[in-house]
Amino acid sequence: MKSARCSLSQLLHSEGLRFNTSYYVNDAVDYYEGLVKCPYSITKLGDEAERIFLCNIFSRCFVKDADHGVPYMTPSEMLRFDMGQAKLLSKKQAEDLPHLRVKRGWILISCSGSAALGSVVQADERHERMIATHDLIRFIPNEKNLKSGVVVAFLKSKYGKATLTHSQYGSCILHINRDHVSAIRIPIFPEQFQKRVHKLIDESLRLREEASRLEGDAQCKLRQYTGLSALSPDDYNYFGARPASREISVFSRRLSAMSELTFQAFNYSERTRKWIEYCKRTCNCVSLRDVLDEREFFSTGSFPRLELDSPKSYLLINQTDIFNLRLSGKKIARRGVKIRNLVQYGEVIIAGVGTLGESETFCRVVFGNEMLTGQLISGEFIRMNTNEKYPSGYLYAWLHSDYGFRLIRSTQAGTKQCRPIQKLLLEMPVPVLERRKMNEIDRLVREAQTKLSTAAELEERAIGAIEAEIESWQGA
């Protein structure tokens, strides 16, 4: 708990006569007080932008068919590397909302919410193809005194996060606005320092884009080699709004065809049965059990979760954080955490609990890349390793495809919080290709994941440089 004294004069001269304690007991207060020791000139972010703006609230018309929709990006989705399952806004409506488009290099700031408030992403090629929510502040850098990479690194640093959320307002849903962002004060760092930080951020952005293209290539190769066509919404079950023309799914099953594990109709869907048979007719398939090593599925297990902010603590990563471009989580003490529970390179990891919304992370898959290796993840993940016959990058590509994702979800059980039935999951089909083709897909996946990890490392170096520079004169 933090505490501080506050004089009446501070209350009376605060921005907007603020009476909430978080405004006065905040890391941003320490940052601004330390600016008096700054050896550089000070500027405001409003002077370093060509434009800072918010878009008006609008009613949204979502569609299911990709031919009639444009991917719609929310604040939580903007933080993810994989945005393939974003909701689709009607193309007709999107044509009337060109101001909601973003361009590469713009800085996007989440301005509503709780956990995601003040989150920052620099737009890349993927974001340009989407319609972005009105709940994002668009910051267009002018590079007058500060290079765009420096602004990105500062806003992502602990000082930037504190200053962005310093003037938050609201009760249940918190907000910040463009005036708050414009008023943030930032040093004009030396030219050489700015070039170094900007180069790191620019290279990180480029590697993210390359990683996305390689992931796309892996999926294209998978479809080409298996001969499977893309699934449409009519081919699978989903929860949410649906058109009146959608055929109602009614079917019968013999008792002998049912498992003792479940009587839920969702697990015996006729739609799913049809394209599982299509998969088996189109390509040679084995069960997931045959692809895995002798451990089959395993999890991190349970362990004490004593929060400890220390260099020796573990970062505990949950199902929301693991899909983000930048890893975050809760720091906990190492006591009681077994080393064998840490992620190893090449693991395939499934988000094992959640709800069935189309944009939810439940049943989505992650590859154990360099960024995740040695990290501690929660016990709700389903983890697996392949045997020597099948490369793990290939299995990841299959489970990451539209077929793999729908197959995993077809095994779910539960009401509010759902989980896959693991014995059913072990029986899901996995296409078997020539070793050369599986290795090719595996190589594309691993190369993409390495670039993604390197991009995150470069970004952390840029953020660390900003924080170290500020602390060098704040502590003087």
Protein backbone atom coordinates (compact mmCIF):
# COMPACT_ATOMS: atom_id res chain seq x y z
CA MET A 1 0.00 0.00 0.00
CA LYS A 2 1.23 3.50 -0.84
CA SER A 3 0.50 6.63 1.19
CA ALA A 4 1.40 10.28 0.88
CA ARG A 5 0.56 13.70 2.32
CA CYS A 6 -1.29 16.16 0.14
CA SER A 7 -1.77 19.84 0.91
CA LEU A 8 -5.00 21.79 0.32
CA SER A 9 -3.22 23.95 -2.25
CA GLN A 10 -2.35 20.85 -4.26
CA LEU A 11 -5.99 19.82 -4.25
CA LEU A 12 -7.18 23.25 -5.33
CA HIS A 13 -4.64 23.58 -8.13
CA SER A 14 -4.87 20.03 -9.45
CA GLU A 15 -6.16 19.34 -12.93
CA GLY A 16 -9.94 19.45 -12.73
CA LEU A 17 -9.95 19.69 -8.90
CA ARG A 18 -9.28 15.99 -8.47
CA PHE A 19 -10.18 14.30 -5.17
CA ASN A 20 -9.35 10.67 -6.04
CA THR A 21 -6.27 9.47 -4.16
CA SER A 22 -4.78 7.63 -7.15
CA TYR A 23 -4.16 10.99 -8.81
CA TYR A 24 -1.80 12.08 -6.02
CA VAL A 25 -0.24 8.74 -5.07
CA ASN A 26 1.01 7.72 -8.48
CA ASP A 27 4.30 6.94 -10.22
CA ALA A 28 3.54 9.77 -12.63
CA VAL A 29 3.83 12.26 -9.75
CA ASP A 30 7.37 11.01 -9.02
CA TYR A 31 8.21 11.19 -12.73
CA TYR A 32 7.03 14.78 -13.10
CA GLU A 33 8.81 15.85 -9.90
CA GLY A 34 11.98 14.29 -11.27
CA LEU A 35 11.73 16.30 -14.51
CA VAL A 36 13.18 19.31 -12.69
CA LYS A 37 16.50 17.41 -12.69
CA CYS A 38 16.29 16.60 -16.40
CA PRO A 39 19.32 17.96 -18.31
CA TYR A 40 17.36 18.16 -21.57
CA SER A 41 14.63 20.40 -22.91
CA ILE A 42 11.06 19.31 -22.22
CA THR A 43 8.28 19.02 -24.78
CA LYS A 44 4.66 17.90 -24.73
CA LEU A 45 3.38 14.97 -26.75
CA GLY A 46 0.81 17.27 -28.34
CA ASP A 47 3.69 19.17 -29.97
CA GLU A 48 5.22 15.94 -31.25
CA ALA A 49 2.15 14.80 -33.15
CA GLU A 50 0.75 15.77 -36.51
CA ARG A 51 -2.60 14.87 -35.01
CA ILE A 52 -4.01 13.14 -31.91
CA PHE A 53 -7.63 12.16 -32.22
CA LEU A 54 -10.47 9.91 -31.12
CA CYS A 55 -13.32 8.68 -33.32
CA ASN A 56 -17.02 8.96 -32.54
CA ILE A 57 -18.99 6.09 -31.04
CA PHE A 58 -21.01 4.19 -33.64
CA SER A 59 -23.37 1.21 -33.76
CA ARG A 60 -21.72 -1.84 -35.28
CA CYS A 61 -23.15 -4.34 -37.75
CA PHE A 62 -21.17 -7.58 -37.59
CA VAL A 63 -21.30 -10.35 -40.17
CA LYS A 64 -20.01 -13.96 -40.21
CA ASP A 65 -18.95 -14.29 -43.84
CA ALA A 66 -15.41 -13.05 -44.56
CA ASP A 67 -16.49 -12.15 -48.12
CA HIS A 68 -18.86 -9.53 -46.70
CA GLY A 69 -16.84 -8.30 -43.71
CA VAL A 70 -13.72 -6.44 -42.64
CA PRO A 71 -11.80 -7.54 -39.49
CA TYR A 72 -12.69 -5.33 -36.53
CA MET A 73 -9.93 -4.62 -34.01
CA THR A 74 -10.65 -4.10 -30.30
CA PRO A 75 -8.10 -2.83 -27.74
CA SER A 76 -7.40 -6.35 -26.47
CA GLU A 77 -6.98 -7.74 -29.99
CA MET A 78 -4.55 -4.99 -30.99
CA LEU A 79 -2.13 -6.37 -28.37
CA ARG A 80 -2.11 -9.86 -29.91
CA PHE A 81 0.10 -11.28 -32.60
CA ASP A 82 -2.67 -13.58 -33.84
CA MET A 83 -5.73 -11.56 -34.83
CA GLY A 84 -7.14 -14.11 -37.28
CA GLN A 85 -10.39 -14.64 -35.36
CA ALA A 86 -11.40 -10.98 -35.04
CA LYS A 87 -15.06 -10.07 -35.51
CA LEU A 88 -16.08 -8.97 -38.99
CA LEU A 89 -17.68 -5.57 -39.51
CA SER A 90 -19.99 -5.27 -42.50
CA LYS A 91 -18.06 -4.11 -45.59
CA LYS A 92 -20.94 -1.81 -46.49
CA GLN A 93 -20.72 -0.12 -43.10
CA ALA A 94 -16.90 -0.04 -43.24
CA GLU A 95 -17.05 1.97 -46.48
CA ASP A 96 -18.80 4.75 -44.57
CA LEU A 97 -16.17 4.72 -41.77
CA PRO A 98 -12.83 5.47 -43.47
CA HIS A 99 -11.74 7.55 -40.45
CA LEU A 100 -11.58 4.34 -38.39
CA ARG A 101 -8.78 2.96 -40.56
CA VAL A 102 -5.24 3.24 -39.23
CA LYS A 103 -1.92 3.49 -41.06
CA ARG A 104 1.41 1.82 -40.48
CA GLY A 105 3.53 3.74 -37.99
CA TRP A 106 0.62 5.36 -36.13
CA ILE A 107 0.70 4.93 -32.37
CA LEU A 108 -2.51 3.38 -30.99
CA ILE A 109 -3.43 3.95 -27.33
CA SER A 110 -6.26 2.14 -25.55
CA CYS A 111 -8.40 4.83 -23.91
CA SER A 112 -11.17 2.78 -22.23
CA GLY A 113 -11.33 -0.26 -20.01
CA SER A 114 -9.49 -1.49 -16.95
CA ALA A 115 -6.55 -3.83 -17.49
CA ALA A 116 -5.91 -2.67 -21.08
CA LEU A 117 -6.24 1.07 -20.33
CA GLY A 118 -3.14 2.91 -21.54
CA SER A 119 -1.87 -0.02 -23.61
CA VAL A 120 0.22 1.07 -26.60
CA VAL A 121 0.94 -0.53 -29.98
CA GLN A 122 2.60 0.86 -33.09
CA ALA A 123 0.42 -0.04 -36.06
CA ASP A 124 1.91 -2.45 -38.61
CA GLU A 125 0.76 -3.94 -41.92
CA ARG A 126 -1.82 -6.17 -40.21
CA HIS A 127 -3.58 -3.23 -38.55
CA GLU A 128 -3.92 -1.40 -41.87
CA ARG A 129 -6.22 -4.17 -43.12
CA MET A 130 -8.62 -3.73 -40.20
CA ILE A 131 -11.24 -1.32 -38.92
CA ALA A 132 -10.12 -0.14 -35.47
CA THR A 133 -12.52 0.54 -32.62
CA HIS A 134 -13.36 4.08 -31.54
CA ASP A 135 -11.84 3.17 -28.13
CA LEU A 136 -8.34 3.84 -29.44
CA ILE A 137 -6.56 7.18 -29.44
CA ARG A 138 -4.74 7.65 -32.75
CA PHE A 139 -1.37 9.39 -32.41
CA ILE A 140 0.27 10.42 -35.70
CA PRO A 141 3.95 11.34 -35.02
CA ASN A 142 5.47 14.35 -36.74
CA GLU A 143 9.08 13.64 -35.61
CA LYS A 144 9.61 17.33 -34.94
CA ASN A 145 11.81 16.84 -31.87
CA LEU A 146 11.31 13.16 -31.08
CA LYS A 147 11.57 10.16 -33.38
CA SER A 148 8.46 7.99 -33.45
CA GLY A 149 10.32 5.00 -31.99
CA VAL A 150 11.29 7.07 -28.96
CA VAL A 151 7.64 8.05 -28.36
CA VAL A 152 6.60 4.38 -28.64
CA ALA A 153 9.32 3.21 -26.23
CA PHE A 154 8.50 5.97 -23.73
CA LEU A 155 4.75 5.30 -23.75
CA LYS A 156 5.40 1.56 -23.26
CA SER A 157 7.80 2.18 -20.38
CA LYS A 158 6.67 2.23 -16.77
CA TYR A 159 6.89 6.03 -16.87
CA GLY A 160 4.76 6.26 -19.99
CA LYS A 161 2.15 3.87 -18.59
CA ALA A 162 1.98 5.91 -15.37
CA THR A 163 1.57 9.23 -17.18
CA LEU A 164 -1.07 7.82 -19.55
CA THR A 165 -3.24 6.53 -16.71
CA HIS A 166 -2.50 9.40 -14.31
CA SER A 167 -5.57 11.38 -15.36
CA GLN A 168 -7.92 8.43 -15.81
CA TYR A 169 -11.54 9.01 -14.85
CA GLY A 170 -14.68 6.92 -14.47
CA SER A 171 -16.07 4.36 -12.04
CA CYS A 172 -16.68 0.90 -13.52
CA ILE A 173 -15.10 1.70 -16.89
CA LEU A 174 -12.06 3.97 -16.79
CA HIS A 175 -11.15 6.40 -19.56
CA ILE A 176 -8.44 8.76 -20.74
CA ASN A 177 -8.81 11.32 -23.54
CA ARG A 178 -6.71 13.03 -26.18
CA ASP A 179 -6.11 16.10 -23.99
CA HIS A 180 -4.49 13.87 -21.35
CA VAL A 181 -2.15 12.39 -23.96
CA SER A 182 -1.36 15.79 -25.48
CA ALA A 183 -0.38 17.21 -22.08
CA ILE A 184 2.16 14.50 -21.21
CA ARG A 185 5.63 15.99 -20.80
CA ILE A 186 8.65 14.16 -22.17
CA PRO A 187 12.36 15.03 -22.47
CA ILE A 188 13.89 15.77 -25.86
CA PHE A 189 16.58 13.11 -25.65
CA PRO A 190 19.95 13.53 -27.43
CA GLU A 191 20.00 12.80 -31.15
CA GLN A 192 22.30 9.77 -30.97
CA PHE A 193 20.26 8.24 -28.16
CA GLN A 194 17.07 8.78 -30.16
CA LYS A 195 18.56 7.10 -33.24
CA ARG A 196 19.54 4.05 -31.20
CA VAL A 197 16.10 3.66 -29.60
CA HIS A 198 14.23 4.36 -32.84
CA LYS A 199 16.30 1.76 -34.71
CA LEU A 200 15.38 -0.89 -32.14
CA ILE A 201 11.65 -0.09 -32.34
CA ASP A 202 11.70 0.13 -36.14
CA GLU A 203 13.46 -3.24 -36.45
CA SER A 204 11.01 -4.76 -33.97
CA LEU A 205 8.09 -3.55 -36.11
CA ARG A 206 9.67 -5.01 -39.26
CA LEU A 207 10.30 -8.40 -37.63
CA ARG A 208 6.70 -8.58 -36.40
CA GLU A 209 5.50 -8.08 -39.95
CA GLU A 210 7.88 -10.72 -41.29
CA ALA A 211 6.71 -13.15 -38.61
CA SER A 212 3.09 -12.57 -39.62
CA ARG A 213 3.90 -13.23 -43.28
CA LEU A 214 5.76 -16.45 -42.43
CA GLU A 215 2.83 -17.67 -40.30
CA GLY A 216 0.56 -16.96 -43.26
CA ASP A 217 2.91 -18.89 -45.57
CA ALA A 218 2.83 -21.87 -43.20
CA GLN A 219 -0.98 -21.91 -43.29
CA CYS A 220 -0.99 -21.63 -47.10
CA LYS A 221 1.42 -24.56 -47.40
CA LEU A 222 -0.71 -26.60 -44.99
CA ARG A 223 -3.85 -26.05 -47.08
CA GLN A 224 -1.94 -26.71 -50.31
CA TYR A 225 -0.36 -29.97 -49.15
CA THR A 226 -3.45 -31.35 -47.39
CA GLY A 227 -5.84 -30.26 -50.14
CA LEU A 228 -8.34 -29.01 -47.58
CA SER A 229 -10.51 -26.02 -48.43
CA ALA A 230 -11.16 -23.26 -45.91
CA LEU A 231 -14.09 -23.73 -43.53
CA SER A 232 -17.08 -21.43 -43.71
CA PRO A 233 -19.36 -20.55 -40.74
CA ASP A 234 -21.93 -23.02 -42.13
CA ASP A 235 -19.45 -25.85 -41.55
CA TYR A 236 -19.10 -25.51 -37.78
CA ASN A 237 -20.98 -24.61 -34.61
CA TYR A 238 -20.39 -21.33 -32.86
CA PHE A 239 -22.01 -19.27 -30.14
CA GLY A 240 -23.33 -15.78 -30.87
CA ALA A 241 -25.43 -13.92 -33.41
CA ARG A 242 -26.31 -15.85 -36.56
CA PRO A 243 -28.40 -15.10 -39.67
CA ALA A 244 -32.01 -16.29 -39.85
CA SER A 245 -31.10 -18.27 -42.97
CA ARG A 246 -28.69 -20.51 -41.04
CA GLU A 247 -29.85 -24.13 -41.09
CA ILE A 248 -30.86 -25.54 -37.72
CA SER A 249 -28.66 -28.45 -36.68
CA VAL A 250 -30.85 -31.48 -35.84
CA PHE A 251 -29.41 -34.98 -35.92
CA SER A 252 -29.59 -38.40 -34.28
CA ARG A 253 -26.90 -40.69 -32.94
CA ARG A 254 -26.98 -44.36 -32.04
CA LEU A 255 -26.13 -45.10 -28.44
CA SER A 256 -23.24 -47.28 -29.63
CA ALA A 257 -21.73 -44.26 -31.39
CA MET A 258 -21.65 -42.17 -28.21
CA SER A 259 -18.86 -41.97 -25.69
CA GLU A 260 -19.31 -42.60 -22.00
CA LEU A 261 -17.52 -39.29 -21.46
CA THR A 262 -20.28 -36.96 -22.65
CA PHE A 263 -23.92 -36.75 -23.69
CA GLN A 264 -23.64 -33.13 -24.87
CA ALA A 265 -24.98 -32.69 -28.41
CA PHE A 266 -22.21 -30.19 -29.20
CA ASN A 267 -19.62 -33.00 -28.97
CA TYR A 268 -21.50 -35.09 -31.58
CA SER A 269 -22.33 -32.28 -34.01
CA GLU A 270 -23.36 -33.38 -37.49
CA ARG A 271 -21.58 -30.37 -38.97
CA THR A 272 -18.32 -31.37 -37.29
CA ARG A 273 -18.75 -35.05 -38.21
CA LYS A 274 -19.09 -34.17 -41.91
CA TRP A 275 -15.86 -32.25 -42.18
CA ILE A 276 -13.93 -34.70 -40.01
CA GLU A 277 -14.91 -37.36 -42.58
CA TYR A 278 -13.93 -34.90 -45.33
CA CYS A 279 -10.49 -34.52 -43.72
CA LYS A 280 -10.01 -38.29 -43.54
CA ARG A 281 -11.09 -38.74 -47.18
CA THR A 282 -8.88 -35.92 -48.45
CA CYS A 283 -5.63 -36.80 -46.68
CA ASN A 284 -4.07 -39.52 -44.57
CA CYS A 285 -4.80 -38.83 -40.88
CA VAL A 286 -3.72 -40.19 -37.51
CA SER A 287 -5.07 -39.34 -34.08
CA LEU A 288 -3.42 -36.63 -31.99
CA ARG A 289 -2.44 -39.36 -29.51
CA ASP A 290 -0.20 -40.92 -32.21
CA VAL A 291 1.60 -37.61 -32.75
CA LEU A 292 2.51 -36.98 -29.10
CA ASP A 293 5.28 -38.40 -26.95
CA GLU A 294 4.64 -40.78 -24.06
CA ARG A 295 3.51 -37.97 -21.72
CA GLU A 296 0.64 -37.03 -24.03
CA PHE A 297 -0.94 -34.02 -22.25
CA PHE A 298 0.56 -32.38 -19.17
CA SER A 299 0.17 -29.11 -17.27
CA THR A 300 2.21 -26.87 -15.02
CA GLY A 301 0.27 -28.12 -12.00
CA SER A 302 -0.42 -26.21 -8.81
CA PHE A 303 2.09 -24.20 -6.79
CA PRO A 304 2.16 -21.36 -4.23
CA ARG A 305 1.47 -17.91 -5.70
CA LEU A 306 3.16 -15.52 -3.33
CA GLU A 307 3.50 -12.17 -5.09
CA LEU A 308 7.08 -10.88 -4.97
CA ASP A 309 8.48 -7.99 -7.00
CA SER A 310 12.11 -9.11 -7.16
CA PRO A 311 14.71 -9.87 -9.87
CA LYS A 312 14.69 -13.43 -8.52
CA SER A 313 10.92 -13.92 -8.87
CA TYR A 314 9.14 -15.79 -11.67
CA LEU A 315 6.79 -14.08 -14.09
CA LEU A 316 3.53 -16.06 -13.99
CA ILE A 317 1.87 -15.86 -17.41
CA ASN A 318 -1.86 -16.50 -17.76
CA GLN A 319 -4.09 -17.17 -20.76
CA THR A 320 -4.66 -13.52 -21.56
CA ASP A 321 -1.03 -12.43 -21.34
CA ILE A 322 0.49 -15.29 -23.33
CA PHE A 323 -1.15 -14.19 -26.60
CA ASN A 324 0.08 -10.59 -26.34
CA LEU A 325 3.00 -9.20 -28.33
CA ARG A 326 4.70 -8.23 -25.09
CA LEU A 327 4.78 -10.79 -22.28
CA SER A 328 3.43 -9.61 -18.97
CA GLY A 329 2.07 -11.22 -15.86
CA LYS A 330 2.25 -11.39 -12.10
CA LYS A 331 5.60 -11.78 -10.34
CA ILE A 332 5.66 -14.58 -7.77
CA ALA A 333 8.27 -16.09 -5.45
CA ARG A 334 10.19 -19.12 -6.71
CA ARG A 335 9.52 -21.12 -3.59
CA GLY A 336 7.49 -24.26 -4.36
CA VAL A 337 7.77 -23.86 -8.17
CA LYS A 338 9.41 -26.88 -9.80
CA ILE A 339 11.94 -26.13 -12.54
CA ARG A 340 10.54 -28.94 -14.72
CA ASN A 341 7.30 -26.98 -14.96
CA LEU A 342 8.91 -24.16 -16.94
CA VAL A 343 8.18 -24.00 -20.69
CA GLN A 344 10.65 -25.77 -22.97
CA TYR A 345 11.33 -24.78 -26.55
CA GLY A 346 9.04 -26.47 -29.07
CA GLU A 347 6.12 -27.19 -26.75
CA VAL A 348 2.64 -26.83 -28.20
CA ILE A 349 0.34 -25.10 -25.71
CA ILE A 350 -3.48 -24.84 -25.77
CA ALA A 351 -5.49 -22.32 -23.73
CA GLY A 352 -7.46 -24.87 -21.74
CA VAL A 353 -10.23 -22.95 -19.99
CA GLY A 354 -12.55 -20.10 -20.92
CA THR A 355 -15.72 -19.09 -22.70
CA LEU A 356 -16.89 -19.77 -26.24
CA GLY A 357 -16.92 -16.26 -27.73
CA GLU A 358 -15.37 -16.17 -31.19
CA SER A 359 -12.76 -13.60 -30.15
CA GLU A 360 -11.86 -15.40 -26.89
CA THR A 361 -8.50 -17.13 -26.45
CA PHE A 362 -10.08 -20.40 -25.24
CA CYS A 363 -8.77 -23.37 -27.31
CA ARG A 364 -6.30 -21.22 -29.22
CA VAL A 365 -2.76 -22.49 -29.51
CA VAL A 366 0.72 -21.10 -28.75
CA PHE A 367 4.16 -22.33 -29.81
CA GLY A 368 6.86 -22.54 -27.14
CA ASN A 369 9.31 -20.12 -28.78
CA GLU A 370 12.45 -18.44 -27.47
CA MET A 371 10.41 -15.75 -25.72
CA LEU A 372 8.43 -18.35 -23.74
CA THR A 373 11.28 -20.79 -23.07
CA GLY A 374 12.06 -20.89 -19.34
CA GLN A 375 8.86 -19.01 -18.44
CA LEU A 376 6.26 -20.09 -15.90
CA ILE A 377 2.71 -20.43 -17.23
CA SER A 378 -0.47 -21.12 -15.29
CA GLY A 379 -1.83 -24.62 -14.76
CA GLU A 380 -4.88 -24.05 -16.99
CA PHE A 381 -2.89 -24.65 -20.19
CA ILE A 382 -2.88 -28.04 -21.95
CA ARG A 383 0.73 -28.69 -22.89
CA MET A 384 2.23 -31.32 -25.21
CA ASN A 385 5.38 -32.40 -27.05
CA THR A 386 5.47 -34.35 -30.31
CA ASN A 387 7.33 -37.61 -30.77
CA GLU A 388 10.28 -37.97 -33.13
CA LYS A 389 8.09 -38.74 -36.17
CA TYR A 390 6.32 -35.39 -36.23
CA PRO A 391 7.88 -31.90 -35.95
CA SER A 392 6.22 -29.72 -33.32
CA GLY A 393 6.00 -26.70 -35.63
CA TYR A 394 3.85 -28.76 -38.00
CA LEU A 395 1.49 -29.81 -35.21
CA TYR A 396 1.25 -26.17 -34.10
CA ALA A 397 0.36 -25.12 -37.67
CA TRP A 398 -2.44 -27.71 -37.81
CA LEU A 399 -3.89 -26.83 -34.41
CA HIS A 400 -3.54 -23.14 -35.30
CA SER A 401 -5.56 -23.59 -38.50
CA ASP A 402 -9.32 -23.11 -38.71
CA TYR A 403 -9.72 -26.92 -38.75
CA GLY A 404 -7.54 -27.43 -35.67
CA PHE A 405 -9.23 -24.69 -33.67
CA ARG A 406 -12.74 -25.99 -34.45
CA LEU A 407 -11.70 -29.56 -33.69
CA ILE A 408 -10.38 -28.55 -30.27
CA ARG A 409 -13.55 -26.61 -29.50
CA SER A 410 -15.73 -29.52 -30.60
CA THR A 411 -14.43 -31.44 -27.55
CA GLN A 412 -15.40 -28.80 -24.98
CA ALA A 413 -17.69 -29.33 -22.01
CA GLY A 414 -18.93 -26.95 -19.34
CA THR A 415 -21.33 -24.07 -18.84
CA LYS A 416 -19.76 -20.70 -18.04
CA GLN A 417 -16.14 -21.88 -17.86
CA CYS A 418 -15.51 -24.56 -20.45
CA ARG A 419 -12.67 -27.06 -20.85
CA PRO A 420 -11.81 -29.58 -23.58
CA ILE A 421 -12.50 -33.22 -22.72
CA GLN A 422 -8.93 -34.42 -23.03
CA LYS A 423 -9.75 -38.03 -23.94
CA LEU A 424 -11.82 -36.76 -26.87
CA LEU A 425 -9.09 -34.30 -27.79
CA LEU A 426 -6.55 -37.14 -28.07
CA GLU A 427 -8.72 -38.71 -30.78
CA MET A 428 -8.92 -35.65 -33.03
CA PRO A 429 -7.46 -36.24 -36.52
CA VAL A 430 -4.10 -34.82 -37.60
CA PRO A 431 -3.14 -35.00 -41.31
CA VAL A 432 0.10 -36.84 -42.08
CA LEU A 433 2.20 -35.52 -44.96
CA GLU A 434 5.53 -36.50 -46.46
CA ARG A 435 8.28 -35.74 -43.97
CA ARG A 436 9.76 -33.17 -46.35
CA LYS A 437 6.49 -31.22 -46.45
CA MET A 438 5.96 -31.37 -42.70
CA ASN A 439 9.55 -30.16 -42.18
CA GLU A 440 8.95 -27.26 -44.57
CA ILE A 441 5.91 -26.10 -42.57
CA ASP A 442 7.82 -26.68 -39.32
CA ARG A 443 10.68 -24.48 -40.58
CA LEU A 444 8.31 -21.63 -41.51
CA VAL A 445 6.68 -21.76 -38.07
CA ARG A 446 9.98 -21.80 -36.19
CA GLU A 447 11.40 -18.97 -38.29
CA ALA A 448 8.26 -16.90 -37.66
CA GLN A 449 8.40 -17.57 -33.94
CA THR A 450 12.09 -16.68 -33.75
CA LYS A 451 11.44 -13.36 -35.48
CA LEU A 452 8.54 -12.69 -33.11
CA SER A 453 10.76 -13.41 -30.10
CA THR A 454 13.56 -11.22 -31.47
CA ALA A 455 11.06 -8.40 -32.08
CA ALA A 456 9.94 -8.57 -28.44
CA GLU A 457 13.56 -8.59 -27.24
CA LEU A 458 14.45 -5.50 -29.31
CA GLU A 459 11.40 -3.67 -28.00
CA GLU A 460 12.35 -4.49 -24.41
CA ARG A 461 15.86 -3.16 -25.04
CA ALA A 462 14.44 0.12 -26.35
CA ILE A 463 12.07 0.44 -23.37
CA GLY A 464 14.90 -0.43 -20.99
CA ALA A 465 17.12 2.27 -22.55
CA ILE A 466 14.42 4.91 -22.00
CA GLU A 467 13.86 3.85 -18.39
CA ALA A 468 17.61 3.73 -17.64
CA GLU A 469 18.13 7.20 -19.14
CA ILE A 470 15.32 8.71 -17.05
CA GLU A 471 16.54 7.01 -13.89
CA SER A 472 20.10 8.21 -14.48
CA TRP A 473 19.14 11.83 -13.81
CA GLN A 474 16.14 11.23 -11.58
CA GLY A 475 18.39 9.54 -9.02
CA ALA A 476 21.09 12.21 -9.25
